[in-house]
N, C-alpha and C. Protein backbone atom coordinates (compact mmCIF):
# COMPACT_ATOMS: atom_id res chain seq x y z
N UNK A 1 201.76 87.05 -124.17
CA UNK A 1 201.16 86.13 -125.14
C UNK A 1 200.29 86.22 -126.13
N UNK A 2 199.59 87.65 -126.03
CA UNK A 2 199.05 88.08 -127.45
C UNK A 2 199.88 88.69 -128.17
N UNK A 3 201.19 89.13 -127.80
CA UNK A 3 202.33 89.26 -128.89
C UNK A 3 202.93 87.97 -129.61
N UNK A 4 203.06 86.94 -128.95
CA UNK A 4 203.30 85.85 -129.34
C UNK A 4 202.54 85.21 -130.33
N UNK A 5 201.28 85.44 -130.28
CA UNK A 5 200.23 84.70 -131.02
C UNK A 5 199.97 85.78 -132.54
N UNK A 6 200.07 86.91 -131.90
CA UNK A 6 200.02 88.01 -133.19
C UNK A 6 201.21 87.81 -134.25
N UNK A 7 202.62 87.70 -133.60
CA UNK A 7 203.83 87.34 -134.38
C UNK A 7 203.38 85.69 -135.07
N UNK A 8 203.29 84.72 -134.46
CA UNK A 8 202.67 83.54 -135.24
C UNK A 8 201.77 83.87 -136.16
N UNK A 9 200.73 84.32 -136.02
CA UNK A 9 199.82 84.18 -137.08
C UNK A 9 200.25 85.18 -138.35
N UNK A 10 201.35 86.50 -138.17
CA UNK A 10 201.80 87.09 -139.03
C UNK A 10 202.88 86.16 -139.87
N UNK A 11 203.57 85.14 -139.04
CA UNK A 11 204.55 84.35 -139.71
C UNK A 11 203.48 83.38 -140.50
N UNK A 12 202.20 82.89 -139.87
CA UNK A 12 201.41 81.91 -140.18
C UNK A 12 200.90 82.27 -141.97
N UNK A 13 200.63 83.84 -142.02
CA UNK A 13 200.23 84.49 -143.11
C UNK A 13 201.22 84.86 -144.08
N UNK A 14 202.67 84.53 -143.67
CA UNK A 14 203.42 84.61 -144.73
C UNK A 14 204.35 83.10 -145.36
N UNK A 15 203.26 82.20 -144.76
CA UNK A 15 203.90 80.91 -145.03
C UNK A 15 203.48 80.58 -146.42
N UNK A 16 204.40 79.52 -147.03
CA UNK A 16 203.89 79.25 -148.43
C UNK A 16 202.55 78.38 -148.64
N UNK A 17 202.02 77.90 -147.76
CA UNK A 17 200.72 77.55 -147.80
C UNK A 17 199.52 77.95 -147.08
N UNK A 18 199.70 79.49 -146.99
CA UNK A 18 198.86 80.34 -146.34
C UNK A 18 197.32 80.36 -147.09
N UNK A 19 197.58 80.22 -148.26
CA UNK A 19 196.27 80.59 -148.92
C UNK A 19 195.52 79.35 -148.89
N UNK A 20 196.25 78.09 -148.95
CA UNK A 20 195.55 76.73 -148.48
C UNK A 20 194.90 76.76 -147.41
N UNK A 21 195.55 77.21 -146.14
CA UNK A 21 195.06 77.20 -144.83
C UNK A 21 193.97 78.25 -144.81
N UNK A 22 193.75 79.54 -145.67
CA UNK A 22 192.67 80.38 -145.55
C UNK A 22 191.33 79.85 -146.29
N UNK A 23 191.77 79.00 -147.40
CA UNK A 23 190.86 78.17 -148.22
C UNK A 23 190.04 77.41 -147.03
N UNK A 24 191.01 76.42 -146.53
CA UNK A 24 190.42 75.57 -145.80
C UNK A 24 189.35 76.69 -144.69
N UNK A 25 189.80 77.30 -143.67
CA UNK A 25 188.85 78.06 -142.74
C UNK A 25 187.84 78.60 -143.39
N UNK A 26 188.06 79.46 -144.55
CA UNK A 26 186.66 79.97 -145.21
C UNK A 26 185.80 79.04 -145.38
N UNK A 27 186.03 77.90 -146.14
CA UNK A 27 185.06 76.94 -146.35
C UNK A 27 184.53 76.38 -145.30
N UNK A 28 185.12 75.76 -144.18
CA UNK A 28 184.36 75.38 -143.09
C UNK A 28 183.66 76.29 -142.48
N UNK A 29 184.06 77.50 -142.28
CA UNK A 29 183.52 78.41 -141.52
C UNK A 29 182.17 78.74 -142.04
N UNK A 30 181.86 78.67 -143.35
CA UNK A 30 180.51 78.66 -143.99
C UNK A 30 179.58 77.72 -143.58
N UNK A 31 179.79 76.44 -143.05
CA UNK A 31 179.45 75.51 -142.87
C UNK A 31 178.90 75.05 -141.58
N UNK A 32 180.02 74.89 -140.74
CA UNK A 32 180.29 74.44 -139.28
C UNK A 32 181.23 75.47 -138.38
N UNK A 33 182.30 75.84 -138.84
CA UNK A 33 183.27 76.68 -138.02
C UNK A 33 183.06 77.83 -137.44
N UNK A 34 183.35 77.74 -135.99
CA UNK A 34 183.21 79.01 -135.36
C UNK A 34 183.94 80.32 -135.99
N UNK A 35 185.31 80.02 -136.35
CA UNK A 35 186.30 80.96 -136.64
C UNK A 35 186.14 81.67 -137.64
N UNK A 36 185.89 82.84 -137.95
CA UNK A 36 185.99 83.52 -139.15
C UNK A 36 187.13 83.45 -140.03
N UNK A 37 187.15 83.53 -141.50
CA UNK A 37 188.36 83.66 -142.20
C UNK A 37 189.24 84.88 -141.81
N UNK A 38 188.84 85.98 -141.50
CA UNK A 38 189.32 87.25 -141.24
C UNK A 38 190.45 86.96 -140.32
N UNK A 39 190.51 86.09 -139.57
CA UNK A 39 191.76 85.60 -138.67
C UNK A 39 192.80 85.57 -139.23
N UNK A 40 192.87 84.94 -140.49
CA UNK A 40 193.94 84.63 -141.30
C UNK A 40 194.05 85.62 -142.50
N UNK A 41 192.74 85.82 -142.79
CA UNK A 41 193.03 86.69 -144.21
C UNK A 41 193.71 88.37 -143.84
N UNK A 42 193.12 88.89 -142.68
CA UNK A 42 193.88 90.03 -142.33
C UNK A 42 195.37 90.12 -142.36
N UNK A 43 195.81 89.22 -141.37
CA UNK A 43 197.11 89.14 -141.52
C UNK A 43 197.81 88.84 -142.65
N UNK A 44 197.22 88.11 -143.49
CA UNK A 44 197.85 87.48 -144.78
C UNK A 44 198.14 88.80 -145.83
N UNK A 45 197.17 89.94 -145.58
CA UNK A 45 197.03 91.01 -146.49
C UNK A 45 197.82 92.02 -145.98
N UNK A 46 198.16 92.28 -144.33
CA UNK A 46 198.94 93.22 -143.93
C UNK A 46 200.60 92.61 -144.13
N UNK A 47 200.63 91.34 -144.24
CA UNK A 47 201.90 90.62 -144.52
C UNK A 47 202.45 90.90 -146.06
N UNK A 48 201.64 91.02 -146.86
CA UNK A 48 201.70 90.98 -148.35
C UNK A 48 200.80 91.93 -149.18
N UNK A 49 200.65 93.29 -148.90
CA UNK A 49 199.67 93.82 -149.55
C UNK A 49 199.14 93.53 -151.04
N UNK A 50 200.48 93.26 -151.80
CA UNK A 50 200.40 93.04 -153.20
C UNK A 50 199.64 92.00 -153.51
N UNK A 51 198.99 90.75 -152.76
CA UNK A 51 198.27 89.89 -152.85
C UNK A 51 197.01 90.02 -152.21
N UNK A 52 196.66 91.20 -151.80
CA UNK A 52 195.16 91.58 -151.49
C UNK A 52 194.00 90.89 -152.22
N UNK A 53 194.06 91.06 -153.54
CA UNK A 53 192.95 90.71 -154.39
C UNK A 53 193.06 89.25 -154.59
N UNK A 54 193.97 88.76 -154.63
CA UNK A 54 194.15 87.09 -154.58
C UNK A 54 193.61 86.25 -153.44
N UNK A 55 193.91 87.20 -152.28
CA UNK A 55 193.54 86.55 -150.84
C UNK A 55 192.03 86.67 -150.72
N UNK A 56 191.45 87.91 -151.22
CA UNK A 56 190.23 88.06 -151.09
C UNK A 56 189.65 87.27 -151.74
N UNK A 57 190.01 86.92 -153.34
CA UNK A 57 189.58 85.98 -154.34
C UNK A 57 189.27 84.33 -153.52
N UNK A 58 190.54 84.13 -153.10
CA UNK A 58 190.39 82.66 -152.24
C UNK A 58 189.32 82.41 -151.27
N UNK A 59 189.36 83.50 -150.34
CA UNK A 59 188.15 83.62 -149.40
C UNK A 59 186.89 83.74 -149.92
N UNK A 60 186.64 84.66 -150.75
CA UNK A 60 185.29 84.55 -151.55
C UNK A 60 185.11 83.24 -152.17
N UNK A 61 185.87 82.80 -153.12
CA UNK A 61 185.46 81.26 -153.70
C UNK A 61 185.22 80.14 -152.58
N UNK A 62 186.20 80.08 -151.57
CA UNK A 62 186.18 79.08 -150.87
C UNK A 62 184.94 79.20 -149.51
N UNK A 63 184.44 80.60 -149.30
CA UNK A 63 183.44 80.76 -148.26
C UNK A 63 182.01 80.29 -148.96
N UNK A 64 181.86 80.68 -150.56
CA UNK A 64 180.87 80.25 -151.38
C UNK A 64 180.63 78.85 -151.54
N UNK A 65 181.68 78.15 -151.66
CA UNK A 65 181.62 76.64 -151.52
C UNK A 65 181.33 76.16 -150.56
N UNK A 66 181.92 76.62 -149.28
CA UNK A 66 181.37 76.28 -147.95
C UNK A 66 179.86 76.71 -147.69
N UNK A 67 179.64 77.62 -148.08
CA UNK A 67 178.25 77.89 -148.29
C UNK A 67 177.23 76.77 -148.77
N UNK A 68 177.65 76.53 -149.70
CA UNK A 68 176.95 75.45 -150.57
C UNK A 68 177.18 74.34 -149.65
N UNK A 69 178.19 73.84 -148.88
CA UNK A 69 178.02 72.46 -148.10
C UNK A 69 176.70 72.72 -147.00
N UNK A 70 177.11 74.14 -146.39
CA UNK A 70 175.94 74.27 -145.38
C UNK A 70 174.63 74.40 -146.00
N UNK A 71 174.38 74.68 -147.07
CA UNK A 71 173.12 74.81 -147.78
C UNK A 71 172.70 73.17 -147.78
N UNK A 72 173.77 72.33 -148.35
CA UNK A 72 173.33 70.84 -148.39
C UNK A 72 173.04 70.32 -146.96
N UNK A 73 173.86 70.72 -146.20
CA UNK A 73 173.44 70.23 -144.70
C UNK A 73 172.10 70.38 -144.34
N UNK A 74 171.78 71.83 -144.53
CA UNK A 74 170.06 72.02 -144.31
C UNK A 74 169.16 71.60 -144.97
N UNK A 75 169.72 70.90 -146.33
CA UNK A 75 168.77 70.29 -147.26
C UNK A 75 168.68 68.89 -147.21
N UNK A 76 169.79 68.35 -147.48
CA UNK A 76 169.61 66.74 -147.06
C UNK A 76 170.19 66.33 -145.72
N UNK A 77 170.36 67.15 -144.99
CA UNK A 77 171.24 66.36 -143.72
C UNK A 77 170.47 67.17 -142.58
N UNK A 78 169.38 67.49 -142.74
CA UNK A 78 168.85 68.53 -141.53
C UNK A 78 168.92 67.70 -140.43
N UNK A 79 168.04 66.53 -140.19
CA UNK A 79 167.95 66.05 -138.98
C UNK A 79 169.07 65.90 -138.38
N UNK A 80 170.06 64.89 -139.04
CA UNK A 80 171.11 64.20 -138.26
C UNK A 80 172.34 65.40 -138.08
N UNK A 81 172.45 66.24 -139.30
CA UNK A 81 173.62 67.22 -138.89
C UNK A 81 173.20 68.58 -138.63
N UNK A 82 172.22 69.16 -139.48
CA UNK A 82 172.03 70.59 -139.25
C UNK A 82 171.19 70.94 -137.93
N UNK A 83 170.23 70.14 -137.60
CA UNK A 83 169.48 70.42 -136.20
C UNK A 83 170.56 70.43 -135.06
N UNK A 84 171.41 69.50 -134.97
CA UNK A 84 172.67 69.54 -133.70
C UNK A 84 173.52 71.00 -134.00
N UNK A 85 173.59 71.47 -135.33
CA UNK A 85 174.28 72.80 -135.38
C UNK A 85 173.50 73.89 -134.90
N UNK A 86 172.31 74.13 -135.34
CA UNK A 86 171.29 75.07 -134.83
C UNK A 86 171.39 74.95 -133.42
N UNK A 87 171.11 73.48 -132.79
CA UNK A 87 170.97 73.74 -131.32
C UNK A 87 172.10 74.24 -130.56
N UNK A 88 173.25 73.92 -131.27
CA UNK A 88 174.70 74.48 -130.58
C UNK A 88 174.57 75.95 -130.85
N UNK A 89 173.82 76.60 -131.43
CA UNK A 89 173.94 78.05 -131.88
C UNK A 89 172.41 78.49 -131.10
N UNK A 90 171.63 77.63 -130.40
CA UNK A 90 170.62 78.09 -129.89
C UNK A 90 169.52 78.55 -130.66
N UNK A 91 169.38 77.73 -131.54
CA UNK A 91 168.18 78.52 -132.94
C UNK A 91 167.10 77.11 -133.02
N UNK A 92 167.38 76.08 -132.32
CA UNK A 92 166.29 75.16 -132.87
C UNK A 92 165.09 75.10 -132.43
N UNK A 93 164.67 76.04 -131.39
CA UNK A 93 163.27 75.85 -130.65
C UNK A 93 162.51 77.05 -131.60
N UNK A 94 163.05 78.19 -132.42
CA UNK A 94 162.72 79.14 -133.12
C UNK A 94 162.55 78.52 -134.69
N UNK A 95 162.82 77.46 -134.90
CA UNK A 95 163.09 77.09 -136.30
C UNK A 95 161.96 77.01 -137.21
N UNK A 96 160.91 76.21 -136.64
CA UNK A 96 159.81 76.04 -137.27
C UNK A 96 158.99 77.24 -137.63
N UNK A 97 158.95 78.02 -136.54
CA UNK A 97 158.25 79.83 -136.92
C UNK A 97 159.30 80.44 -137.88
N UNK A 98 160.19 80.07 -137.82
CA UNK A 98 161.15 80.66 -138.72
C UNK A 98 160.96 80.43 -139.96
N UNK A 99 161.04 79.11 -140.62
CA UNK A 99 160.95 78.30 -141.54
C UNK A 99 159.79 79.10 -142.30
N UNK A 100 158.49 79.42 -141.92
CA UNK A 100 157.57 80.09 -142.30
C UNK A 100 157.92 81.32 -143.01
N UNK A 101 158.74 82.09 -142.43
CA UNK A 101 158.67 83.41 -142.55
C UNK A 101 159.97 83.55 -143.62
N UNK A 102 161.08 82.40 -143.45
CA UNK A 102 162.26 82.85 -144.40
C UNK A 102 162.57 82.68 -145.31
N UNK A 103 161.76 82.12 -146.29
CA UNK A 103 162.20 82.20 -147.38
C UNK A 103 161.30 83.44 -148.19
N UNK A 104 160.53 84.17 -147.59
CA UNK A 104 159.91 85.54 -148.05
C UNK A 104 160.98 86.70 -147.94
N UNK A 105 161.83 86.26 -147.11
CA UNK A 105 163.25 87.31 -146.86
C UNK A 105 164.71 86.55 -146.69
N UNK A 106 164.74 85.37 -147.19
CA UNK A 106 165.85 84.85 -147.14
C UNK A 106 166.73 85.42 -148.07
N UNK A 107 166.91 85.91 -149.03
CA UNK A 107 167.83 86.60 -149.85
C UNK A 107 168.41 87.67 -149.05
N UNK A 108 167.55 88.51 -148.37
CA UNK A 108 168.18 89.50 -147.63
C UNK A 108 169.02 88.99 -146.24
N UNK A 109 168.56 87.70 -145.63
CA UNK A 109 169.42 87.43 -144.76
C UNK A 109 170.68 86.65 -145.03
N UNK A 110 170.94 86.14 -146.28
CA UNK A 110 171.95 85.75 -146.67
C UNK A 110 172.73 87.25 -146.96
N UNK A 111 172.26 88.15 -147.47
CA UNK A 111 173.38 89.41 -147.45
C UNK A 111 173.55 90.09 -146.52
N UNK A 112 172.78 89.87 -145.48
CA UNK A 112 173.33 90.26 -143.77
C UNK A 112 174.22 89.71 -143.39
N UNK A 113 173.86 88.30 -143.08
CA UNK A 113 174.70 87.41 -142.49
C UNK A 113 176.19 87.44 -143.40
N UNK A 114 176.03 87.63 -144.59
CA UNK A 114 177.43 87.47 -145.07
C UNK A 114 178.33 88.54 -144.95
N UNK A 115 177.93 89.74 -144.52
CA UNK A 115 178.86 90.70 -144.27
C UNK A 115 178.79 91.03 -142.90
N UNK A 116 178.38 90.72 -141.87
CA UNK A 116 178.16 91.21 -140.61
C UNK A 116 178.95 89.82 -139.79
N UNK A 117 178.93 90.10 -138.43
CA UNK A 117 179.89 89.29 -137.46
C UNK A 117 178.43 88.10 -137.30
N UNK A 118 177.53 88.19 -137.88
CA UNK A 118 176.25 86.90 -137.57
C UNK A 118 176.85 85.60 -138.29
N UNK A 119 177.24 84.49 -137.54
CA UNK A 119 177.80 83.15 -138.03
C UNK A 119 176.82 83.26 -139.48
N UNK A 120 177.72 82.95 -140.54
CA UNK A 120 176.90 82.79 -141.62
C UNK A 120 176.39 81.30 -141.67
N UNK A 121 177.30 80.45 -141.05
CA UNK A 121 176.72 79.08 -141.20
C UNK A 121 175.26 78.62 -140.72
N UNK A 122 174.82 79.53 -139.94
CA UNK A 122 173.42 79.51 -139.44
C UNK A 122 172.59 79.68 -140.46
N UNK A 123 172.89 80.82 -141.48
CA UNK A 123 171.92 81.21 -142.62
C UNK A 123 172.19 80.06 -143.87
N UNK A 124 173.42 79.45 -143.90
CA UNK A 124 173.61 78.68 -145.10
C UNK A 124 172.64 77.37 -144.92
N UNK A 125 172.69 76.81 -143.37
CA UNK A 125 171.99 75.72 -143.06
C UNK A 125 170.60 75.83 -143.51
N UNK A 126 169.92 77.27 -142.63
CA UNK A 126 168.76 77.36 -142.73
C UNK A 126 168.14 77.67 -144.17
N UNK A 127 168.74 78.20 -145.18
CA UNK A 127 168.56 78.36 -146.55
C UNK A 127 168.50 76.57 -147.06
N UNK A 128 168.89 76.21 -146.63
CA UNK A 128 169.09 74.72 -147.22
C UNK A 128 167.84 73.93 -146.83
N UNK A 129 167.61 74.34 -145.29
CA UNK A 129 166.39 73.23 -144.67
C UNK A 129 165.27 73.87 -145.14
N UNK A 130 165.09 75.09 -145.28
CA UNK A 130 163.66 76.03 -145.61
C UNK A 130 163.48 75.83 -147.10
N UNK A 131 164.62 75.42 -148.08
CA UNK A 131 164.26 75.34 -149.41
C UNK A 131 164.43 76.73 -150.10
N UNK A 132 165.27 77.61 -149.67
CA UNK A 132 165.30 79.01 -150.50
C UNK A 132 165.60 78.45 -151.46
N UNK A 133 165.47 79.43 -152.57
CA UNK A 133 165.52 79.04 -153.84
C UNK A 133 167.47 78.96 -154.08
N UNK A 134 167.85 77.94 -154.62
CA UNK A 134 169.34 77.85 -154.90
C UNK A 134 170.15 78.96 -155.59
N UNK A 135 169.26 79.24 -156.72
CA UNK A 135 170.20 80.43 -157.41
C UNK A 135 170.08 81.44 -156.84
N UNK A 136 169.18 81.81 -155.72
CA UNK A 136 168.94 83.25 -155.23
C UNK A 136 169.92 82.85 -153.87
N UNK A 137 170.29 81.83 -153.55
CA UNK A 137 170.95 81.74 -152.31
C UNK A 137 172.35 81.88 -153.07
N UNK A 138 173.07 81.66 -154.03
CA UNK A 138 174.04 81.50 -154.52
C UNK A 138 174.52 82.88 -154.86
N UNK A 139 173.73 83.52 -155.72
CA UNK A 139 173.86 84.92 -155.92
C UNK A 139 174.04 85.79 -154.56
N UNK A 140 173.18 85.47 -153.72
CA UNK A 140 173.39 86.57 -152.28
C UNK A 140 174.59 86.37 -151.61
N UNK A 141 175.40 85.02 -151.41
CA UNK A 141 176.43 84.50 -151.19
C UNK A 141 177.45 85.29 -151.87
N UNK A 142 177.45 85.05 -153.15
CA UNK A 142 178.77 85.84 -153.83
C UNK A 142 178.54 87.40 -153.46
N UNK A 143 177.57 87.92 -153.44
CA UNK A 143 177.42 89.40 -153.07
C UNK A 143 178.07 89.69 -151.94
N UNK A 144 177.20 89.18 -150.85
CA UNK A 144 177.56 89.16 -149.84
C UNK A 144 178.97 89.21 -148.90
N UNK A 145 179.48 88.01 -149.48
CA UNK A 145 180.73 87.51 -149.04
C UNK A 145 181.93 88.23 -149.93
N UNK A 146 181.54 88.43 -151.05
CA UNK A 146 182.44 89.41 -151.88
C UNK A 146 182.88 90.60 -151.52
N UNK A 147 181.51 91.37 -151.08
CA UNK A 147 181.66 92.66 -150.38
C UNK A 147 182.51 92.33 -149.33
N UNK A 148 182.22 91.48 -148.32
CA UNK A 148 182.81 91.53 -147.07
C UNK A 148 184.61 91.75 -147.24
N UNK A 149 184.85 90.57 -148.37
CA UNK A 149 186.18 90.19 -148.36
C UNK A 149 186.68 91.28 -149.20
N UNK A 150 186.39 91.85 -150.23
CA UNK A 150 186.88 92.99 -150.99
C UNK A 150 187.19 94.19 -150.07
N UNK A 151 186.23 94.53 -149.45
CA UNK A 151 186.30 95.80 -148.71
C UNK A 151 187.25 95.89 -147.87
N UNK A 152 187.56 94.66 -147.19
CA UNK A 152 188.37 94.30 -146.12
C UNK A 152 189.86 94.20 -146.65
N UNK A 153 190.06 93.71 -147.89
CA UNK A 153 191.02 93.89 -148.69
C UNK A 153 191.42 95.03 -149.35
N UNK A 154 190.60 95.93 -149.58
CA UNK A 154 190.76 97.15 -150.26
C UNK A 154 191.19 98.20 -149.06
N UNK A 155 191.01 98.04 -148.07
CA UNK A 155 191.21 99.00 -146.99
C UNK A 155 192.35 98.56 -146.46
N UNK A 156 192.84 97.15 -146.31
CA UNK A 156 193.97 96.93 -146.10
C UNK A 156 195.23 97.40 -147.05
N UNK A 157 194.85 96.94 -148.40
CA UNK A 157 195.66 97.21 -149.45
C UNK A 157 196.07 98.88 -149.12
N UNK A 158 195.23 99.40 -149.27
CA UNK A 158 195.17 101.33 -149.20
C UNK A 158 195.91 101.64 -148.08
N UNK A 159 195.72 101.31 -146.67
CA UNK A 159 196.19 101.58 -145.51
C UNK A 159 196.82 100.76 -144.89
N UNK A 160 197.27 99.80 -145.23
CA UNK A 160 197.99 98.48 -144.59
C UNK A 160 199.08 98.99 -144.09
N UNK A 161 200.27 99.59 -143.85
CA UNK A 161 201.19 100.05 -143.27
C UNK A 161 200.50 100.87 -141.88
N UNK A 162 199.82 101.85 -142.35
CA UNK A 162 199.59 102.45 -141.00
C UNK A 162 198.67 101.31 -140.14
N UNK A 163 197.84 100.44 -140.50
CA UNK A 163 196.97 99.89 -140.06
C UNK A 163 197.81 98.85 -139.10
N UNK A 164 198.99 98.03 -139.88
CA UNK A 164 199.89 97.45 -139.28
C UNK A 164 200.47 98.00 -138.04
N UNK A 165 201.00 99.29 -138.12
CA UNK A 165 201.63 99.81 -137.14
C UNK A 165 200.73 100.11 -135.89
N UNK A 166 198.96 100.84 -136.19
CA UNK A 166 198.41 100.75 -135.44
C UNK A 166 197.90 99.47 -134.69
N UNK A 167 197.90 98.23 -135.38
CA UNK A 167 197.65 97.10 -134.60
C UNK A 167 198.68 96.77 -133.92
N UNK A 168 200.01 96.87 -134.11
CA UNK A 168 201.17 96.57 -133.43
C UNK A 168 201.37 97.38 -131.91
N UNK A 169 201.36 98.52 -132.20
CA UNK A 169 201.01 99.60 -131.27
C UNK A 169 200.10 99.44 -130.04
N UNK A 170 199.08 98.90 -130.29
CA UNK A 170 197.81 98.90 -129.50
C UNK A 170 197.30 97.42 -129.61
N UNK A 171 198.21 96.26 -129.46
CA UNK A 171 197.69 95.22 -129.64
C UNK A 171 196.81 94.70 -128.91
N UNK A 172 196.79 95.18 -127.62
CA UNK A 172 195.63 94.52 -126.53
C UNK A 172 194.35 95.22 -126.76
N UNK A 173 194.24 96.49 -127.18
CA UNK A 173 193.24 97.00 -127.53
C UNK A 173 192.42 96.37 -128.40
N UNK A 174 193.20 96.16 -129.58
CA UNK A 174 192.60 95.61 -130.86
C UNK A 174 192.12 94.18 -130.64
N UNK A 175 192.69 93.41 -129.82
CA UNK A 175 192.45 92.07 -129.51
C UNK A 175 190.94 92.16 -128.96
N UNK A 176 191.10 93.13 -127.76
CA UNK A 176 189.82 92.95 -126.87
C UNK A 176 188.73 93.67 -127.86
N UNK A 177 188.85 94.42 -128.81
CA UNK A 177 187.77 94.93 -129.66
C UNK A 177 187.21 93.50 -130.69
N UNK A 178 188.53 93.02 -131.11
CA UNK A 178 187.97 91.85 -131.97
C UNK A 178 187.03 90.94 -131.25
N UNK A 179 187.73 90.64 -129.86
CA UNK A 179 187.02 89.53 -129.35
C UNK A 179 185.22 89.81 -129.10
N UNK A 180 185.25 91.19 -128.67
CA UNK A 180 183.91 91.74 -128.41
C UNK A 180 183.09 91.63 -129.69
N UNK A 181 183.69 91.54 -130.71
CA UNK A 181 182.96 91.43 -131.89
C UNK A 181 182.36 90.04 -132.18
N UNK A 182 183.38 89.21 -132.31
CA UNK A 182 183.61 87.87 -132.22
C UNK A 182 182.20 87.17 -131.35
N UNK A 183 182.39 87.36 -130.06
CA UNK A 183 181.35 87.33 -129.00
C UNK A 183 180.12 87.83 -129.23
N UNK A 184 179.91 89.06 -129.76
CA UNK A 184 178.90 89.68 -130.11
C UNK A 184 178.12 89.17 -131.00
N UNK A 185 178.88 88.37 -131.82
CA UNK A 185 178.18 87.87 -133.21
C UNK A 185 177.42 86.48 -132.67
N UNK A 186 178.14 85.75 -131.73
CA UNK A 186 177.35 84.95 -131.21
C UNK A 186 176.14 85.09 -130.14
N UNK A 187 176.25 86.01 -129.55
CA UNK A 187 175.38 86.84 -128.47
C UNK A 187 173.97 87.27 -129.53
N UNK A 188 174.27 87.62 -130.67
CA UNK A 188 173.11 88.00 -131.82
C UNK A 188 172.48 87.06 -132.22
N UNK A 189 173.10 85.79 -132.10
CA UNK A 189 172.42 84.34 -132.68
C UNK A 189 171.86 83.96 -131.46
N UNK A 190 172.11 83.78 -130.46
CA UNK A 190 171.46 83.37 -129.26
C UNK A 190 170.39 84.16 -128.98
N UNK A 191 170.26 85.18 -129.07
CA UNK A 191 169.25 86.29 -128.57
C UNK A 191 168.15 86.96 -129.51
N UNK A 192 168.69 86.57 -131.09
CA UNK A 192 167.64 86.87 -132.40
C UNK A 192 166.52 86.13 -132.49
């Protein structure tokens, strides 16, 4: 089953609308969706390493634009939309205490969440709801997401064929590690 899912993802990565799918996933991941764009980005770069920089650029632009939506949710729709998202991630009880300290360290929070498995949408919503300086938010988002996506693109561009061989030979182990990282990010949100 994992092999069929992998093969399907690689074929989707080679589809003519793959960049649009990546842009959509990267956009909604930054505000409400739990699946990171790396799920599409990595196989897209492995399938077509010559497009690594374009793929990373699409992920960056869409992710930052999605982050702006998350910021707006926090700023303008916190009670009706933002609070339920925070409740889903188990962060609603800590919010008032967190709000007071957040703006002091908000740029660092955006930078850290932008490059780690920590769900970026939590930080985008918090940034809007606490009123983090919009310019600082945008710059930190561009730096963090750019760093994340372009490092992945550079590594896959440089080491793509061996990485693809490694993944295909050890698909079960790679899948297990990715799932641990994915669920570890959600566990971090719940217990931080």
